[in-house]
Amino acid sequence: MAFLKRSTGTATAPRPATGTLDSPDAPGTPDEVVARVRGHHRSFGRQHVLRGIDLDVRPGEFVALLGRSGCGKSTLLRSLARLDPVPAGEVEITGRTGVAFQEPRLLPWRTVHENVALALLNSPDRPRREELAEATLAEVGLTDKLGAWPLQLSGGQAQRVSLARALVSNPSLLLLDEPFSALDALTRIEMHQLVIELWRRHSMAVLIVTHDVDEALALADRVVVLDHGVVAHTWTVSLPRSDRAPSQPEIATTRAEILDALGVRPTPPNPKRNPLKNQGAA
């Protein structure tokens, strides 16, 4: 059975994953999308960053977005998050989006609980806002930090608060912009496991921007590489996450292909680095 499939060139609608994915991890059908990007262009002065991006993200799908520095990964994420103005018809989102960045961006004069509740500020029901904020912080393991100030948190705890703030509105699409790159190795492993648990529990789509090929292969159903402002390559990954050790032939081959597409000379993977080991079949 083929577990990894590669396509090259500018992507249109993604192909369904090969292999078997257990519910609730299985993405939606190819006709369903939570995000559709068609011919999306972004320029800053004379610099063309995105040159007609085409990309679909299906319900429940986990997509990793890679590319060289300056290729437009974060620019595309900002468009998907509606943080930048986008021409009509180029980016369509179904439902809410939640965003977590590399920096937690917590308000230092607000408590942990208040920082999360701020994401629900448009809701007139204040007791409900507070209840949802507390419940979401419990999901990320921070029940004992509700009244803490951001400066009292470790880096990993602050990123958990940022993740809770992104989740509290129950988004259909969670956008993660290199949220783990500033964390130490052990904390990154914990955060990988937490994100997968939350993804399964909430059945949302996730798009993560990362520079880490091993992280992308460990987490994602599909790996997308941007190059010169377009989707240049995609790989579908449906090998169960518990089996995605770097020593697996399918993973090692795809890792080498992705690094080649990024213009990086492959280095031997660390056989001990398997952030999702024993985390379930998918």
C-alpha atoms as a PDB file:
ATOM      1  CA  MET A   1       0.000   0.000   0.000  1.00  0.00           C
ATOM      2  CA  ALA A   2       1.349   3.441  -0.889  1.00  0.00           C
ATOM      3  CA  PHE A   3       1.525   5.744   2.113  1.00  0.00           C
ATOM      4  CA  LEU A   4       3.261   8.762   0.622  1.00  0.00           C
ATOM      5  CA  LYS A   5       2.331  10.506  -2.577  1.00  0.00           C
ATOM      6  CA  ARG A   6       4.082  13.441  -4.190  1.00  0.00           C
ATOM      7  CA  SER A   7       2.810  15.872  -6.771  1.00  0.00           C
ATOM      8  CA  THR A   8       4.783  18.724  -8.296  1.00  0.00           C
ATOM      9  CA  GLY A   9       3.882  21.968  -9.950  1.00  0.00           C
ATOM     10  CA  THR A  10       1.247  24.469  -8.930  1.00  0.00           C
ATOM     11  CA  ALA A  11      -1.370  22.709  -6.848  1.00  0.00           C
ATOM     12  CA  THR A  12      -5.101  22.885  -7.393  1.00  0.00           C
ATOM     13  CA  ALA A  13      -7.562  20.847  -5.360  1.00  0.00           C
ATOM     14  CA  PRO A  14      -5.626  18.330  -3.219  1.00  0.00           C
ATOM     15  CA  ARG A  15      -6.006  14.635  -3.875  1.00  0.00           C
ATOM     16  CA  PRO A  16      -7.557  12.439  -1.210  1.00  0.00           C
ATOM     17  CA  ALA A  17      -5.027  10.781   1.074  1.00  0.00           C
ATOM     18  CA  THR A  18      -3.912   7.251   0.286  1.00  0.00           C
ATOM     19  CA  GLY A  19      -3.921   4.547   2.924  1.00  0.00           C
ATOM     20  CA  THR A  20      -6.299   4.440   5.879  1.00  0.00           C
ATOM     21  CA  LEU A  21      -7.034   7.074   8.490  1.00  0.00           C
ATOM     22  CA  ASP A  22      -9.123   6.280  11.536  1.00  0.00           C
ATOM     23  CA  SER A  23     -12.011   8.568  12.502  1.00  0.00           C
ATOM     24  CA  PRO A  24     -12.003  11.324  13.693  1.00  0.00           C
ATOM     25  CA  ASP A  25      -8.617  11.918  12.040  1.00  0.00           C
ATOM     26  CA  ALA A  26      -9.840  11.373   8.484  1.00  0.00           C
ATOM     27  CA  PRO A  27     -10.098  14.610   6.496  1.00  0.00           C
ATOM     28  CA  GLY A  28     -13.354  15.601   4.826  1.00  0.00           C
ATOM     29  CA  THR A  29     -14.198  14.624   1.279  1.00  0.00           C
ATOM     30  CA  PRO A  30     -12.291  16.353  -1.543  1.00  0.00           C
ATOM     31  CA  ASP A  31     -15.328  18.496  -2.396  1.00  0.00           C
ATOM     32  CA  GLU A  32     -15.467  20.039   1.093  1.00  0.00           C
ATOM     33  CA  VAL A  33     -13.113  22.841   2.074  1.00  0.00           C
ATOM     34  CA  VAL A  34     -12.694  25.161   5.046  1.00  0.00           C
ATOM     35  CA  ALA A  35     -10.233  27.302   3.073  1.00  0.00           C
ATOM     36  CA  ARG A  36      -9.982  27.868  -0.659  1.00  0.00           C
ATOM     37  CA  VAL A  37      -7.247  30.056  -2.169  1.00  0.00           C
ATOM     38  CA  ARG A  38      -7.346  30.825  -5.886  1.00  0.00           C
ATOM     39  CA  GLY A  39      -4.890  33.003  -7.778  1.00  0.00           C
ATOM     40  CA  HIS A  40      -3.853  34.862  -4.647  1.00  0.00           C
ATOM     41  CA  HIS A  41      -1.237  37.585  -5.193  1.00  0.00           C
ATOM     42  CA  ARG A  42       0.562  39.717  -2.605  1.00  0.00           C
ATOM     43  CA  SER A  43       3.165  42.371  -3.300  1.00  0.00           C
ATOM     44  CA  PHE A  44       5.070  44.766  -1.071  1.00  0.00           C
ATOM     45  CA  GLY A  45       6.228  47.610  -3.257  1.00  0.00           C
ATOM     46  CA  ARG A  46       8.047  46.007  -6.166  1.00  0.00           C
ATOM     47  CA  GLN A  47       8.554  42.747  -4.321  1.00  0.00           C
ATOM     48  CA  HIS A  48       6.118  40.036  -5.440  1.00  0.00           C
ATOM     49  CA  VAL A  49       5.748  37.598  -2.530  1.00  0.00           C
ATOM     50  CA  LEU A  50       2.784  35.504  -3.650  1.00  0.00           C
ATOM     51  CA  ARG A  51       2.311  34.971  -7.376  1.00  0.00           C
ATOM     52  CA  GLY A  52      -1.050  33.302  -7.808  1.00  0.00           C
ATOM     53  CA  ILE A  53      -1.297  30.800  -4.938  1.00  0.00           C
ATOM     54  CA  ASP A  54      -3.844  27.989  -5.327  1.00  0.00           C
ATOM     55  CA  LEU A  55      -4.531  25.920  -2.207  1.00  0.00           C
ATOM     56  CA  ASP A  56      -7.418  24.052  -0.569  1.00  0.00           C
ATOM     57  CA  VAL A  57      -7.652  22.894   3.037  1.00  0.00           C
ATOM     58  CA  ARG A  58     -10.306  20.284   3.805  1.00  0.00           C
ATOM     59  CA  PRO A  59     -12.250  19.850   7.073  1.00  0.00           C
ATOM     60  CA  GLY A  60     -10.192  17.907   9.608  1.00  0.00           C
ATOM     61  CA  GLU A  61      -7.034  18.025   7.490  1.00  0.00           C
ATOM     62  CA  PHE A  62      -3.619  18.783   8.984  1.00  0.00           C
ATOM     63  CA  VAL A  63      -1.430  20.679   6.497  1.00  0.00           C
ATOM     64  CA  ALA A  64       2.209  21.710   6.965  1.00  0.00           C
ATOM     65  CA  LEU A  65       3.516  24.625   4.914  1.00  0.00           C
ATOM     66  CA  LEU A  66       7.251  24.837   4.244  1.00  0.00           C
ATOM     67  CA  GLY A  67       9.524  26.972   2.101  1.00  0.00           C
ATOM     68  CA  ARG A  68      12.685  29.035   2.115  1.00  0.00           C
ATOM     69  CA  SER A  69      12.753  32.234   4.185  1.00  0.00           C
ATOM     70  CA  GLY A  70      10.857  34.989   2.392  1.00  0.00           C
ATOM     71  CA  CYS A  71       8.835  32.629   0.180  1.00  0.00           C
ATOM     72  CA  GLY A  72       5.509  33.917   1.536  1.00  0.00           C
ATOM     73  CA  LYS A  73       4.496  31.317   4.130  1.00  0.00           C
ATOM     74  CA  SER A  74       3.573  33.796   6.850  1.00  0.00           C
ATOM     75  CA  THR A  75       2.078  36.179   4.283  1.00  0.00           C
ATOM     76  CA  LEU A  76      -0.278  33.428   3.125  1.00  0.00           C
ATOM     77  CA  LEU A  77      -1.174  32.586   6.725  1.00  0.00           C
ATOM     78  CA  ARG A  78      -2.038  36.227   7.427  1.00  0.00           C
ATOM     79  CA  SER A  79      -4.336  36.228   4.395  1.00  0.00           C
ATOM     80  CA  LEU A  80      -6.056  33.064   5.633  1.00  0.00           C
ATOM     81  CA  ALA A  81      -6.422  34.621   9.081  1.00  0.00           C
ATOM     82  CA  ARG A  82      -8.009  37.754   7.572  1.00  0.00           C
ATOM     83  CA  LEU A  83      -5.282  39.866   9.173  1.00  0.00           C
ATOM     84  CA  ASP A  84      -4.437  41.539   5.854  1.00  0.00           C
ATOM     85  CA  PRO A  85      -6.781  42.872   3.161  1.00  0.00           C
ATOM     86  CA  VAL A  86      -7.415  40.347   0.402  1.00  0.00           C
ATOM     87  CA  PRO A  87      -8.993  40.960  -3.035  1.00  0.00           C
ATOM     88  CA  ALA A  88     -12.493  39.555  -3.358  1.00  0.00           C
ATOM     89  CA  GLY A  89     -12.656  35.937  -4.480  1.00  0.00           C
ATOM     90  CA  GLU A  90      -8.996  35.061  -3.847  1.00  0.00           C
ATOM     91  CA  VAL A  91      -9.374  33.648  -0.321  1.00  0.00           C
ATOM     92  CA  GLU A  92     -12.569  32.047   0.978  1.00  0.00           C
ATOM     93  CA  ILE A  93     -12.896  30.714   4.533  1.00  0.00           C
ATOM     94  CA  THR A  94     -15.756  28.649   5.930  1.00  0.00           C
ATOM     95  CA  GLY A  95     -16.287  29.236   9.642  1.00  0.00           C
ATOM     96  CA  ARG A  96     -13.978  30.799  12.196  1.00  0.00           C
ATOM     97  CA  THR A  97     -10.194  30.863  12.228  1.00  0.00           C
ATOM     98  CA  GLY A  98      -7.879  30.806  15.239  1.00  0.00           C
ATOM     99  CA  VAL A  99      -4.235  31.891  15.089  1.00  0.00           C
ATOM    100  CA  ALA A 100      -1.170  31.243  17.237  1.00  0.00           C
ATOM    101  CA  PHE A 101       2.181  32.825  16.366  1.00  0.00           C
ATOM    102  CA  GLN A 102       5.817  32.116  17.174  1.00  0.00           C
ATOM    103  CA  GLU A 103       5.617  34.760  19.907  1.00  0.00           C
ATOM    104  CA  PRO A 104       2.680  34.187  22.299  1.00  0.00           C
ATOM    105  CA  ARG A 105       1.772  37.906  22.166  1.00  0.00           C
ATOM    106  CA  LEU A 106       0.040  37.882  25.520  1.00  0.00           C
ATOM    107  CA  LEU A 107      -1.008  41.169  27.134  1.00  0.00           C
ATOM    108  CA  PRO A 108       1.228  41.507  30.210  1.00  0.00           C
ATOM    109  CA  TRP A 109      -1.339  43.555  32.145  1.00  0.00           C
ATOM    110  CA  ARG A 110      -3.977  40.809  31.787  1.00  0.00           C
ATOM    111  CA  THR A 111      -4.075  37.480  33.630  1.00  0.00           C
ATOM    112  CA  VAL A 112      -3.869  34.187  31.769  1.00  0.00           C
ATOM    113  CA  HIS A 113      -7.640  33.761  32.043  1.00  0.00           C
ATOM    114  CA  GLU A 114      -8.274  37.302  30.815  1.00  0.00           C
ATOM    115  CA  ASN A 115      -5.928  36.893  27.849  1.00  0.00           C
ATOM    116  CA  VAL A 116      -7.895  33.884  26.630  1.00  0.00           C
ATOM    117  CA  ALA A 117     -11.295  35.446  27.322  1.00  0.00           C
ATOM    118  CA  LEU A 118     -10.342  38.464  25.185  1.00  0.00           C
ATOM    119  CA  ALA A 119     -10.735  36.279  22.098  1.00  0.00           C
ATOM    120  CA  LEU A 120     -14.473  36.174  22.909  1.00  0.00           C
ATOM    121  CA  LEU A 121     -14.820  39.897  23.487  1.00  0.00           C
ATOM    122  CA  ASN A 122     -17.554  40.212  20.858  1.00  0.00           C
ATOM    123  CA  SER A 123     -19.767  37.837  22.831  1.00  0.00           C
ATOM    124  CA  PRO A 124     -22.169  39.762  25.119  1.00  0.00           C
ATOM    125  CA  ASP A 125     -22.439  36.833  27.554  1.00  0.00           C
ATOM    126  CA  ARG A 126     -19.592  37.540  29.982  1.00  0.00           C
ATOM    127  CA  PRO A 127     -20.190  34.518  32.277  1.00  0.00           C
ATOM    128  CA  ARG A 128     -20.130  32.284  29.219  1.00  0.00           C
ATOM    129  CA  ARG A 129     -16.874  33.901  28.029  1.00  0.00           C
ATOM    130  CA  GLU A 130     -15.241  33.232  31.359  1.00  0.00           C
ATOM    131  CA  GLU A 131     -16.542  29.655  31.453  1.00  0.00           C
ATOM    132  CA  LEU A 132     -15.226  28.894  27.952  1.00  0.00           C
ATOM    133  CA  ALA A 133     -11.849  30.472  28.709  1.00  0.00           C
ATOM    134  CA  GLU A 134     -11.473  28.367  31.844  1.00  0.00           C
ATOM    135  CA  ALA A 135     -12.520  25.172  30.044  1.00  0.00           C
ATOM    136  CA  THR A 136     -10.084  25.780  27.192  1.00  0.00           C
ATOM    137  CA  LEU A 137      -7.217  26.483  29.576  1.00  0.00           C
ATOM    138  CA  ALA A 138      -8.026  23.166  31.229  1.00  0.00           C
ATOM    139  CA  GLU A 139      -7.675  21.483  27.842  1.00  0.00           C
ATOM    140  CA  VAL A 140      -4.117  22.777  27.502  1.00  0.00           C
ATOM    141  CA  GLY A 141      -3.242  21.804  31.076  1.00  0.00           C
ATOM    142  CA  LEU A 142      -3.212  25.243  32.710  1.00  0.00           C
ATOM    143  CA  THR A 143      -6.046  25.079  35.226  1.00  0.00           C
ATOM    144  CA  ASP A 144      -3.606  26.110  37.964  1.00  0.00           C
ATOM    145  CA  LYS A 145      -2.492  29.227  36.045  1.00  0.00           C
ATOM    146  CA  LEU A 146      -5.815  31.041  35.568  1.00  0.00           C
ATOM    147  CA  GLY A 147      -4.819  33.998  37.728  1.00  0.00           C
ATOM    148  CA  ALA A 148      -1.155  34.073  36.760  1.00  0.00           C
ATOM    149  CA  TRP A 149       0.450  36.941  34.858  1.00  0.00           C
ATOM    150  CA  PRO A 150       2.217  36.266  31.531  1.00  0.00           C
ATOM    151  CA  LEU A 151       5.629  37.166  33.023  1.00  0.00           C
ATOM    152  CA  GLN A 152       5.176  34.354  35.545  1.00  0.00           C
ATOM    153  CA  LEU A 153       4.935  31.714  32.804  1.00  0.00           C
ATOM    154  CA  SER A 154       7.588  29.574  31.168  1.00  0.00           C
ATOM    155  CA  GLY A 155       7.937  29.725  27.395  1.00  0.00           C
ATOM    156  CA  GLY A 156       5.975  26.512  26.972  1.00  0.00           C
ATOM    157  CA  GLN A 157       3.203  27.686  29.306  1.00  0.00           C
ATOM    158  CA  ALA A 158       2.913  31.008  27.464  1.00  0.00           C
ATOM    159  CA  GLN A 159       2.573  29.149  24.171  1.00  0.00           C
ATOM    160  CA  ARG A 160      -0.151  26.971  25.690  1.00  0.00           C
ATOM    161  CA  VAL A 161      -2.053  30.133  26.628  1.00  0.00           C
ATOM    162  CA  SER A 162      -1.650  31.389  23.065  1.00  0.00           C
ATOM    163  CA  LEU A 163      -2.983  28.071  21.795  1.00  0.00           C
ATOM    164  CA  ALA A 164      -5.945  28.245  24.186  1.00  0.00           C
ATOM    165  CA  ARG A 165      -6.739  31.762  22.969  1.00  0.00           C
ATOM    166  CA  ALA A 166      -6.747  30.480  19.384  1.00  0.00           C
ATOM    167  CA  LEU A 167      -9.011  27.545  20.294  1.00  0.00           C
ATOM    168  CA  VAL A 168     -11.535  29.211  22.588  1.00  0.00           C
ATOM    169  CA  SER A 169     -13.758  30.413  19.724  1.00  0.00           C
ATOM    170  CA  ASN A 170     -14.034  26.833  18.384  1.00  0.00           C
ATOM    171  CA  PRO A 171     -12.448  27.523  14.971  1.00  0.00           C
ATOM    172  CA  SER A 172     -12.933  25.341  11.928  1.00  0.00           C
ATOM    173  CA  LEU A 173      -9.382  26.262  10.868  1.00  0.00           C
ATOM    174  CA  LEU A 174      -6.473  26.615  13.294  1.00  0.00           C
ATOM    175  CA  LEU A 175      -3.484  28.531  11.883  1.00  0.00           C
ATOM    176  CA  LEU A 176      -0.082  28.050  13.530  1.00  0.00           C
ATOM    177  CA  ASP A 177       2.844  30.249  12.486  1.00  0.00           C
ATOM    178  CA  GLU A 178       6.009  28.487  13.713  1.00  0.00           C
ATOM    179  CA  PRO A 179       4.598  28.306  17.252  1.00  0.00           C
ATOM    180  CA  PHE A 180       7.210  25.866  18.572  1.00  0.00           C
ATOM    181  CA  SER A 181      10.442  27.185  17.052  1.00  0.00           C
ATOM    182  CA  ALA A 182      11.516  29.102  20.182  1.00  0.00           C
ATOM    183  CA  LEU A 183      10.906  26.173  22.550  1.00  0.00           C
ATOM    184  CA  ASP A 184      13.425  23.656  23.851  1.00  0.00           C
ATOM    185  CA  ALA A 185      13.386  20.140  22.384  1.00  0.00           C
ATOM    186  CA  LEU A 186      11.426  18.443  25.185  1.00  0.00           C
ATOM    187  CA  THR A 187       8.812  21.205  25.320  1.00  0.00           C
ATOM    188  CA  ARG A 188       8.404  20.989  21.539  1.00  0.00           C
ATOM    189  CA  ILE A 189       7.657  17.274  21.817  1.00  0.00           C
ATOM    190  CA  GLU A 190       5.032  17.983  24.481  1.00  0.00           C
ATOM    191  CA  MET A 191       3.470  20.705  22.316  1.00  0.00           C
ATOM    192  CA  HIS A 192       3.384  18.417  19.269  1.00  0.00           C
ATOM    193  CA  GLN A 193       1.496  15.825  21.279  1.00  0.00           C
ATOM    194  CA  LEU A 194      -0.872  18.451  22.690  1.00  0.00           C
ATOM    195  CA  VAL A 195      -1.697  19.871  19.261  1.00  0.00           C
ATOM    196  CA  ILE A 196      -2.475  16.400  17.886  1.00  0.00           C
ATOM    197  CA  GLU A 197      -4.710  15.661  20.888  1.00  0.00           C
ATOM    198  CA  LEU A 198      -6.583  18.946  20.441  1.00  0.00           C
ATOM    199  CA  TRP A 199      -6.870  18.428  16.686  1.00  0.00           C
ATOM    200  CA  ARG A 200      -8.436  15.019  17.200  1.00  0.00           C
ATOM    201  CA  ARG A 201     -10.763  16.266  19.938  1.00  0.00           C
ATOM    202  CA  HIS A 202     -12.031  19.313  18.028  1.00  0.00           C
ATOM    203  CA  SER A 203     -12.044  17.782  14.514  1.00  0.00           C
ATOM    204  CA  MET A 204     -10.780  21.049  13.049  1.00  0.00           C
ATOM    205  CA  ALA A 205      -8.446  21.681  10.160  1.00  0.00           C
ATOM    206  CA  VAL A 206      -4.925  22.811  11.024  1.00  0.00           C
ATOM    207  CA  LEU A 207      -2.379  24.618   8.878  1.00  0.00           C
ATOM    208  CA  ILE A 208       1.076  24.977  10.418  1.00  0.00           C
ATOM    209  CA  VAL A 209       3.902  27.070   8.989  1.00  0.00           C
ATOM    210  CA  THR A 210       7.254  25.524   9.895  1.00  0.00           C
ATOM    211  CA  HIS A 211      10.897  25.359   8.824  1.00  0.00           C
ATOM    212  CA  ASP A 212      11.261  21.912  10.401  1.00  0.00           C
ATOM    213  CA  VAL A 213      10.833  19.078   7.887  1.00  0.00           C
ATOM    214  CA  ASP A 214      10.770  16.431  10.623  1.00  0.00           C
ATOM    215  CA  GLU A 215       8.046  18.351  12.452  1.00  0.00           C
ATOM    216  CA  ALA A 216       5.998  18.571   9.254  1.00  0.00           C
ATOM    217  CA  LEU A 217       6.298  14.844   8.566  1.00  0.00           C
ATOM    218  CA  ALA A 218       5.425  13.935  12.157  1.00  0.00           C
ATOM    219  CA  LEU A 219       2.290  16.076  12.313  1.00  0.00           C
ATOM    220  CA  ALA A 220       0.735  16.600   8.902  1.00  0.00           C
ATOM    221  CA  ASP A 221      -1.556  14.754   6.509  1.00  0.00           C
ATOM    222  CA  ARG A 222      -0.131  16.860   3.694  1.00  0.00           C
ATOM    223  CA  VAL A 223       3.138  18.743   3.284  1.00  0.00           C
ATOM    224  CA  VAL A 224       3.136  21.745   0.941  1.00  0.00           C
ATOM    225  CA  VAL A 225       6.281  23.538  -0.256  1.00  0.00           C
ATOM    226  CA  LEU A 226       6.103  27.119  -1.500  1.00  0.00           C
ATOM    227  CA  ASP A 227       8.694  28.344  -3.970  1.00  0.00           C
ATOM    228  CA  HIS A 228       8.841  31.633  -5.884  1.00  0.00           C
ATOM    229  CA  GLY A 229       5.386  32.579  -4.649  1.00  0.00           C
ATOM    230  CA  VAL A 230       3.500  29.474  -5.773  1.00  0.00           C
ATOM    231  CA  VAL A 231       2.722  25.988  -4.473  1.00  0.00           C
ATOM    232  CA  ALA A 232       5.586  24.060  -6.036  1.00  0.00           C
ATOM    233  CA  HIS A 233       5.324  20.604  -4.434  1.00  0.00           C
ATOM    234  CA  THR A 234       2.938  18.603  -2.264  1.00  0.00           C
ATOM    235  CA  TRP A 235       3.265  15.289  -0.457  1.00  0.00           C
ATOM    236  CA  THR A 236       0.337  13.362   1.013  1.00  0.00           C
ATOM    237  CA  VAL A 237       1.296  11.514   4.214  1.00  0.00           C
ATOM    238  CA  SER A 238      -1.107   8.900   5.525  1.00  0.00           C
ATOM    239  CA  LEU A 239       1.265   6.592   7.342  1.00  0.00           C
ATOM    240  CA  PRO A 240      -0.075   6.341  10.934  1.00  0.00           C
ATOM    241  CA  ARG A 241       1.594   8.954  13.106  1.00  0.00           C
ATOM    242  CA  SER A 242       2.822   6.325  15.555  1.00  0.00           C
ATOM    243  CA  ASP A 243       4.808   4.754  12.676  1.00  0.00           C
ATOM    244  CA  ARG A 244       6.467   7.911  11.375  1.00  0.00           C
ATOM    245  CA  ALA A 245       9.901   7.316  12.824  1.00  0.00           C
ATOM    246  CA  PRO A 246      12.660   8.937  10.738  1.00  0.00           C
ATOM    247  CA  SER A 247      14.095   5.466  10.088  1.00  0.00           C
ATOM    248  CA  GLN A 248      10.927   4.373   8.253  1.00  0.00           C
ATOM    249  CA  PRO A 249      11.859   4.018   4.558  1.00  0.00           C
ATOM    250  CA  GLU A 250       8.797   5.961   3.387  1.00  0.00           C
ATOM    251  CA  ILE A 251       9.489   8.824   5.793  1.00  0.00           C
ATOM    252  CA  ALA A 252      13.221   8.892   5.021  1.00  0.00           C
ATOM    253  CA  THR A 253      12.558   9.010   1.272  1.00  0.00           C
ATOM    254  CA  THR A 254      10.007  11.795   1.562  1.00  0.00           C
ATOM    255  CA  ARG A 255      12.244  13.733   3.936  1.00  0.00           C
ATOM    256  CA  ALA A 256      15.024  13.641   1.349  1.00  0.00           C
ATOM    257  CA  GLU A 257      12.626  14.759  -1.400  1.00  0.00           C
ATOM    258  CA  ILE A 258      11.343  17.686   0.665  1.00  0.00           C
ATOM    259  CA  LEU A 259      14.854  18.819   1.578  1.00  0.00           C
ATOM    260  CA  ASP A 260      15.819  18.633  -2.085  1.00  0.00           C
ATOM    261  CA  ALA A 261      12.799  20.762  -2.996  1.00  0.00           C
ATOM    262  CA  LEU A 262      13.917  23.278  -0.367  1.00  0.00           C
ATOM    263  CA  GLY A 263      17.436  23.327  -1.786  1.00  0.00           C
ATOM    264  CA  VAL A 264      18.920  21.740   1.337  1.00  0.00           C
ATOM    265  CA  ARG A 265      21.466  18.963   1.281  1.00  0.00           C
ATOM    266  CA  PRO A 266      19.926  16.148   3.354  1.00  0.00           C
ATOM    267  CA  THR A 267      21.505  15.210   6.667  1.00  0.00           C
ATOM    268  CA  PRO A 268      20.896  11.858   8.360  1.00  0.00           C
ATOM    269  CA  PRO A 269      17.733  12.039  10.497  1.00  0.00           C
ATOM    270  CA  ASN A 270      17.901  11.475  14.223  1.00  0.00           C
ATOM    271  CA  PRO A 271      16.430   7.967  14.692  1.00  0.00           C
ATOM    272  CA  LYS A 272      15.444   8.849  18.266  1.00  0.00           C
ATOM    273  CA  ARG A 273      13.380  11.847  17.183  1.00  0.00           C
ATOM    274  CA  ASN A 274       9.798  10.655  16.941  1.00  0.00           C
ATOM    275  CA  PRO A 275       7.640  13.246  18.718  1.00  0.00           C
ATOM    276  CA  LEU A 276       4.423  11.259  18.302  1.00  0.00           C
ATOM    277  CA  LYS A 277       5.675   7.814  19.298  1.00  0.00           C
ATOM    278  CA  ASN A 278       2.980   5.782  21.094  1.00  0.00           C
ATOM    279  CA  GLN A 279       0.414   8.528  20.457  1.00  0.00           C
ATOM    280  CA  GLY A 280      -2.123   6.363  18.654  1.00  0.00           C
ATOM    281  CA  ALA A 281      -2.585   4.857  15.211  1.00  0.00           C
ATOM    282  CA  ALA A 282      -3.064   8.116  13.342  1.00  0.00           C
END
